[in-house]
Amino acid sequence: MNDVVHHALSRLDVALTRLEAAVASRLAAERDPGERETELALMGEDRARLAAELDAASARLVMVEAAAADVGHRLGRAIGAVEGVLAGPRGHHHPEV
């Protein structure tokens, strides 16, 4: 047998093996549709849980960002107050201790 025919037969054998596996998988799925429905229900529950967790995380992020902005504002005011105290009254020079 020449190499071209041998290679073609090998490819045909692989294709038939894949086809048999696909048919067997399809038949198994058709025999037990309840398992597929259970799997889909579980996936739906997971999706709902993940969506709720994402919503909660997003809400926490908004709160953290608001708190960070507030802290930044307060820190800016505190820095301004400290700089004002360190500068002292205008025109008076305080020697450093």
C-alpha atoms as a PDB file:
ATOM      1  CA  MET A   1       0.000   0.000   0.000  1.00  0.00           C
ATOM      2  CA  ASN A   2       1.459   3.385  -0.882  1.00  0.00           C
ATOM      3  CA  ASP A   3       1.922   6.204   1.597  1.00  0.00           C
ATOM      4  CA  VAL A   4      -0.915   8.373   0.250  1.00  0.00           C
ATOM      5  CA  VAL A   5      -3.503   5.621   0.733  1.00  0.00           C
ATOM      6  CA  HIS A   6      -2.110   4.703   4.151  1.00  0.00           C
ATOM      7  CA  HIS A   7      -2.264   8.364   5.240  1.00  0.00           C
ATOM      8  CA  ALA A   8      -5.836   8.711   3.920  1.00  0.00           C
ATOM      9  CA  LEU A   9      -6.909   5.550   5.778  1.00  0.00           C
ATOM     10  CA  SER A  10      -5.340   6.873   8.983  1.00  0.00           C
ATOM     11  CA  ARG A  11      -7.205  10.170   8.645  1.00  0.00           C
ATOM     12  CA  LEU A  12     -10.432   8.280   7.948  1.00  0.00           C
ATOM     13  CA  ASP A  13      -9.904   6.147  11.046  1.00  0.00           C
ATOM     14  CA  VAL A  14      -9.388   9.261  13.202  1.00  0.00           C
ATOM     15  CA  ALA A  15     -12.481  10.922  11.716  1.00  0.00           C
ATOM     16  CA  LEU A  16     -14.599   7.798  12.338  1.00  0.00           C
ATOM     17  CA  THR A  17     -13.371   7.593  15.933  1.00  0.00           C
ATOM     18  CA  ARG A  18     -14.323  11.234  16.515  1.00  0.00           C
ATOM     19  CA  LEU A  19     -17.709  10.678  14.892  1.00  0.00           C
ATOM     20  CA  GLU A  20     -18.405   7.641  17.071  1.00  0.00           C
ATOM     21  CA  ALA A  21     -17.486   9.636  20.187  1.00  0.00           C
ATOM     22  CA  ALA A  22     -19.778  12.501  19.134  1.00  0.00           C
ATOM     23  CA  VAL A  23     -22.676  10.121  18.443  1.00  0.00           C
ATOM     24  CA  ALA A  24     -22.163   8.369  21.783  1.00  0.00           C
ATOM     25  CA  SER A  25     -22.101  11.716  23.584  1.00  0.00           C
ATOM     26  CA  ARG A  26     -25.268  12.868  21.825  1.00  0.00           C
ATOM     27  CA  LEU A  27     -27.076   9.624  22.627  1.00  0.00           C
ATOM     28  CA  ALA A  28     -26.070   9.874  26.282  1.00  0.00           C
ATOM     29  CA  ALA A  29     -27.340  13.453  26.432  1.00  0.00           C
ATOM     30  CA  GLU A  30     -30.655  12.482  24.873  1.00  0.00           C
ATOM     31  CA  ARG A  31     -31.104   9.555  27.281  1.00  0.00           C
ATOM     32  CA  ASP A  32     -30.723  11.756  30.382  1.00  0.00           C
ATOM     33  CA  PRO A  33     -32.108  15.228  29.706  1.00  0.00           C
ATOM     34  CA  GLY A  34     -32.685  15.740  33.426  1.00  0.00           C
ATOM     35  CA  GLU A  35     -28.946  15.857  34.049  1.00  0.00           C
ATOM     36  CA  ARG A  36     -28.554  18.610  31.455  1.00  0.00           C
ATOM     37  CA  GLU A  37     -31.449  20.558  32.986  1.00  0.00           C
ATOM     38  CA  THR A  38     -29.895  20.169  36.428  1.00  0.00           C
ATOM     39  CA  GLU A  39     -26.587  21.431  35.095  1.00  0.00           C
ATOM     40  CA  LEU A  40     -28.292  24.433  33.483  1.00  0.00           C
ATOM     41  CA  ALA A  41     -30.174  25.177  36.704  1.00  0.00           C
ATOM     42  CA  LEU A  42     -26.917  25.090  38.684  1.00  0.00           C
ATOM     43  CA  MET A  43     -25.263  27.374  36.156  1.00  0.00           C
ATOM     44  CA  GLY A  44     -28.213  29.766  36.442  1.00  0.00           C
ATOM     45  CA  GLU A  45     -27.910  29.792  40.230  1.00  0.00           C
ATOM     46  CA  ASP A  46     -24.161  30.425  39.985  1.00  0.00           C
ATOM     47  CA  ARG A  47     -24.786  33.281  37.563  1.00  0.00           C
ATOM     48  CA  ALA A  48     -27.358  34.841  39.881  1.00  0.00           C
ATOM     49  CA  ARG A  49     -25.038  34.503  42.885  1.00  0.00           C
ATOM     50  CA  LEU A  50     -22.120  36.011  40.967  1.00  0.00           C
ATOM     51  CA  ALA A  51     -24.301  38.885  39.749  1.00  0.00           C
ATOM     52  CA  ALA A  52     -25.380  39.629  43.329  1.00  0.00           C
ATOM     53  CA  GLU A  53     -21.765  39.515  44.514  1.00  0.00           C
ATOM     54  CA  LEU A  54     -20.749  41.869  41.706  1.00  0.00           C
ATOM     55  CA  ASP A  55     -23.540  44.284  42.629  1.00  0.00           C
ATOM     56  CA  ALA A  56     -22.460  44.232  46.278  1.00  0.00           C
ATOM     57  CA  ALA A  57     -18.806  44.754  45.342  1.00  0.00           C
ATOM     58  CA  SER A  58     -19.772  47.664  43.078  1.00  0.00           C
ATOM     59  CA  ALA A  59     -21.758  49.260  45.899  1.00  0.00           C
ATOM     60  CA  ARG A  60     -18.799  48.845  48.272  1.00  0.00           C
ATOM     61  CA  LEU A  61     -16.509  50.411  45.674  1.00  0.00           C
ATOM     62  CA  VAL A  62     -18.769  53.465  45.414  1.00  0.00           C
ATOM     63  CA  MET A  63     -18.714  53.836  49.214  1.00  0.00           C
ATOM     64  CA  VAL A  64     -14.924  53.448  49.365  1.00  0.00           C
ATOM     65  CA  GLU A  65     -14.447  56.005  46.588  1.00  0.00           C
ATOM     66  CA  ALA A  66     -16.725  58.470  48.418  1.00  0.00           C
ATOM     67  CA  ALA A  67     -14.829  57.918  51.678  1.00  0.00           C
ATOM     68  CA  ALA A  68     -11.492  58.372  49.885  1.00  0.00           C
ATOM     69  CA  ALA A  69     -12.698  61.651  48.376  1.00  0.00           C
ATOM     70  CA  ASP A  70     -13.857  62.846  51.811  1.00  0.00           C
ATOM     71  CA  VAL A  71     -10.549  61.883  53.397  1.00  0.00           C
ATOM     72  CA  GLY A  72      -8.668  63.651  50.602  1.00  0.00           C
ATOM     73  CA  HIS A  73     -10.721  66.810  51.139  1.00  0.00           C
ATOM     74  CA  ARG A  74     -10.204  66.735  54.910  1.00  0.00           C
ATOM     75  CA  LEU A  75      -6.495  66.043  54.487  1.00  0.00           C
ATOM     76  CA  GLY A  76      -6.213  69.022  52.146  1.00  0.00           C
ATOM     77  CA  ARG A  77      -7.892  71.265  54.714  1.00  0.00           C
ATOM     78  CA  ALA A  78      -5.617  69.929  57.473  1.00  0.00           C
ATOM     79  CA  ILE A  79      -2.511  70.544  55.370  1.00  0.00           C
ATOM     80  CA  GLY A  80      -3.710  74.088  54.685  1.00  0.00           C
ATOM     81  CA  ALA A  81      -4.269  74.681  58.399  1.00  0.00           C
ATOM     82  CA  VAL A  82      -0.825  73.350  59.322  1.00  0.00           C
ATOM     83  CA  GLU A  83       0.809  75.462  56.621  1.00  0.00           C
ATOM     84  CA  GLY A  84      -1.059  78.500  57.939  1.00  0.00           C
ATOM     85  CA  VAL A  85       0.171  77.861  61.479  1.00  0.00           C
ATOM     86  CA  LEU A  86       3.740  77.298  60.294  1.00  0.00           C
ATOM     87  CA  ALA A  87       3.699  80.493  58.219  1.00  0.00           C
ATOM     88  CA  GLY A  88       2.578  82.526  61.235  1.00  0.00           C
ATOM     89  CA  PRO A  89       1.365  86.081  60.951  1.00  0.00           C
ATOM     90  CA  ARG A  90       2.540  87.824  57.784  1.00  0.00           C
ATOM     91  CA  GLY A  91       5.505  90.084  58.251  1.00  0.00           C
ATOM     92  CA  HIS A  92       6.730  88.393  61.433  1.00  0.00           C
ATOM     93  CA  HIS A  93       9.705  86.117  61.178  1.00  0.00           C
ATOM     94  CA  HIS A  94       9.999  83.447  63.847  1.00  0.00           C
ATOM     95  CA  PRO A  95      13.502  82.122  64.348  1.00  0.00           C
ATOM     96  CA  GLU A  96      13.722  78.388  64.181  1.00  0.00           C
ATOM     97  CA  VAL A  97      14.308  76.617  67.455  1.00  0.00           C
END
